[in-house]
Amino acid sequence: MALVEVCKVGEIPDGKSKRIVVKRNPIAIFFTAGHYYAIDDTCTHAEVSLAEGDVHDCKVTCPLHGAIFCLKTGEALKLPAVTAVETYPVKIDGETIYVEV
């Protein structure tokens, strides 16, 4: 596992996200309810970026077909998605945010 620097604290507005790519793997970093979450950026139902989805109550809604994923666990909460997305630990060191991949 390696820590990858993502951004600075405060760079992602509440309810928004940032997309990064680590070794060809797209990851979405979300900030909501005072916490940062990192999940695979690609919906497991269709090849679309979850970073473009709406965030509410620690969940993200896929912008294409409306599947919903839990930002804490990656669990698929609403059809058409049935497979979870991978989650990644987020670490904060001072003002810097890292994702463990």
Protein backbone atom coordinates (compact mmCIF):
# COMPACT_ATOMS: atom_id res chain seq x y z
CA MET A 1 0.00 0.00 0.00
CA ALA A 2 1.16 3.50 -0.80
CA LEU A 3 -0.04 6.95 0.20
CA VAL A 4 -0.87 9.19 -2.74
CA GLU A 5 -1.21 12.93 -2.20
CA VAL A 6 -4.62 14.09 -3.41
CA CYS A 7 -5.10 17.73 -2.45
CA LYS A 8 -5.15 20.17 0.44
CA VAL A 9 -7.82 20.34 3.15
CA GLY A 10 -10.55 22.73 2.02
CA GLU A 11 -9.84 22.28 -1.69
CA ILE A 12 -12.94 20.11 -2.24
CA PRO A 13 -16.17 21.96 -1.36
CA ASP A 14 -18.79 20.19 0.78
CA GLY A 15 -20.89 17.83 -1.33
CA LYS A 16 -18.36 17.81 -4.17
CA SER A 17 -15.59 15.55 -5.42
CA LYS A 18 -12.25 15.39 -7.17
CA ARG A 19 -11.16 12.70 -9.62
CA ILE A 20 -7.59 11.39 -9.62
CA VAL A 21 -5.90 8.56 -11.50
CA VAL A 22 -3.45 6.26 -9.73
CA LYS A 23 -1.68 3.68 -11.90
CA ARG A 24 -4.47 3.92 -14.50
CA ASN A 25 -7.14 3.45 -11.82
CA PRO A 26 -9.60 6.37 -11.56
CA ILE A 27 -10.50 7.23 -7.96
CA ALA A 28 -13.09 9.76 -6.77
CA ILE A 29 -12.43 11.71 -3.57
CA PHE A 30 -15.57 13.12 -1.93
CA PHE A 31 -16.01 15.63 0.88
CA THR A 32 -19.36 15.52 2.66
CA ALA A 33 -20.62 15.93 6.22
CA GLY A 34 -17.12 16.96 7.35
CA HIS A 35 -15.40 13.79 6.11
CA TYR A 36 -13.37 12.71 3.10
CA TYR A 37 -14.12 9.44 1.29
CA ALA A 38 -12.35 7.71 -1.60
CA ILE A 39 -13.94 5.13 -3.89
CA ASP A 40 -13.38 3.72 -7.37
CA ASP A 41 -14.61 6.37 -9.76
CA THR A 42 -16.28 4.02 -12.23
CA CYS A 43 -19.86 2.85 -11.68
CA THR A 44 -20.07 -0.95 -11.56
CA HIS A 45 -23.21 -0.93 -13.71
CA ALA A 46 -21.98 1.28 -16.55
CA GLU A 47 -18.69 2.89 -17.48
CA VAL A 48 -19.40 6.36 -16.08
CA SER A 49 -17.60 8.60 -13.57
CA LEU A 50 -19.13 8.66 -10.10
CA ALA A 51 -17.26 11.90 -9.38
CA GLU A 52 -19.85 13.54 -11.66
CA GLY A 53 -22.75 12.26 -9.51
CA ASP A 54 -24.80 14.01 -6.85
CA VAL A 55 -23.69 13.55 -3.24
CA HIS A 56 -26.17 13.41 -0.36
CA ASP A 57 -26.08 11.75 3.09
CA CYS A 58 -22.71 10.03 2.45
CA LYS A 59 -24.01 8.50 -0.79
CA VAL A 60 -23.29 9.23 -4.43
CA THR A 61 -25.82 8.81 -7.24
CA CYS A 62 -24.51 7.69 -10.61
CA PRO A 63 -25.30 10.42 -13.14
CA LEU A 64 -26.20 7.95 -15.93
CA HIS A 65 -28.76 5.48 -14.53
CA GLY A 66 -29.27 6.58 -10.90
CA ALA A 67 -27.50 3.74 -9.08
CA ILE A 68 -26.55 4.79 -5.55
CA PHE A 69 -23.35 3.86 -3.70
CA CYS A 70 -22.43 4.29 -0.03
CA LEU A 71 -19.30 6.42 0.27
CA LYS A 72 -18.34 4.72 3.56
CA THR A 73 -18.53 1.09 2.41
CA GLY A 74 -18.77 1.20 -1.39
CA GLU A 75 -21.96 -0.88 -1.21
CA ALA A 76 -24.38 -0.62 -4.14
CA LEU A 77 -27.59 0.62 -2.51
CA LYS A 78 -29.91 1.01 -5.50
CA LEU A 79 -30.39 -0.76 -8.81
CA PRO A 80 -29.30 -0.99 -11.53
CA ALA A 81 -25.92 -1.47 -9.79
CA VAL A 82 -25.57 -4.65 -7.72
CA THR A 83 -21.79 -4.77 -7.27
CA ALA A 84 -19.97 -2.58 -4.76
CA VAL A 85 -17.15 -0.20 -5.66
CA GLU A 86 -13.76 -0.41 -3.97
CA THR A 87 -13.12 2.01 -1.11
CA TYR A 88 -9.76 3.44 -0.05
CA PRO A 89 -8.58 4.79 3.30
CA VAL A 90 -8.14 8.56 3.45
CA LYS A 91 -5.41 10.04 5.65
CA ILE A 92 -4.98 13.68 6.61
CA ASP A 93 -1.55 14.91 7.64
CA GLY A 94 -1.60 18.58 8.55
CA GLU A 95 -3.24 20.30 5.58
CA THR A 96 -2.56 17.51 3.08
CA ILE A 97 -5.03 14.76 2.12
CA TYR A 98 -3.73 11.34 1.04
CA VAL A 99 -5.42 8.20 -0.27
CA GLU A 100 -3.98 4.79 0.58
CA VAL A 101 -3.90 2.61 -2.53
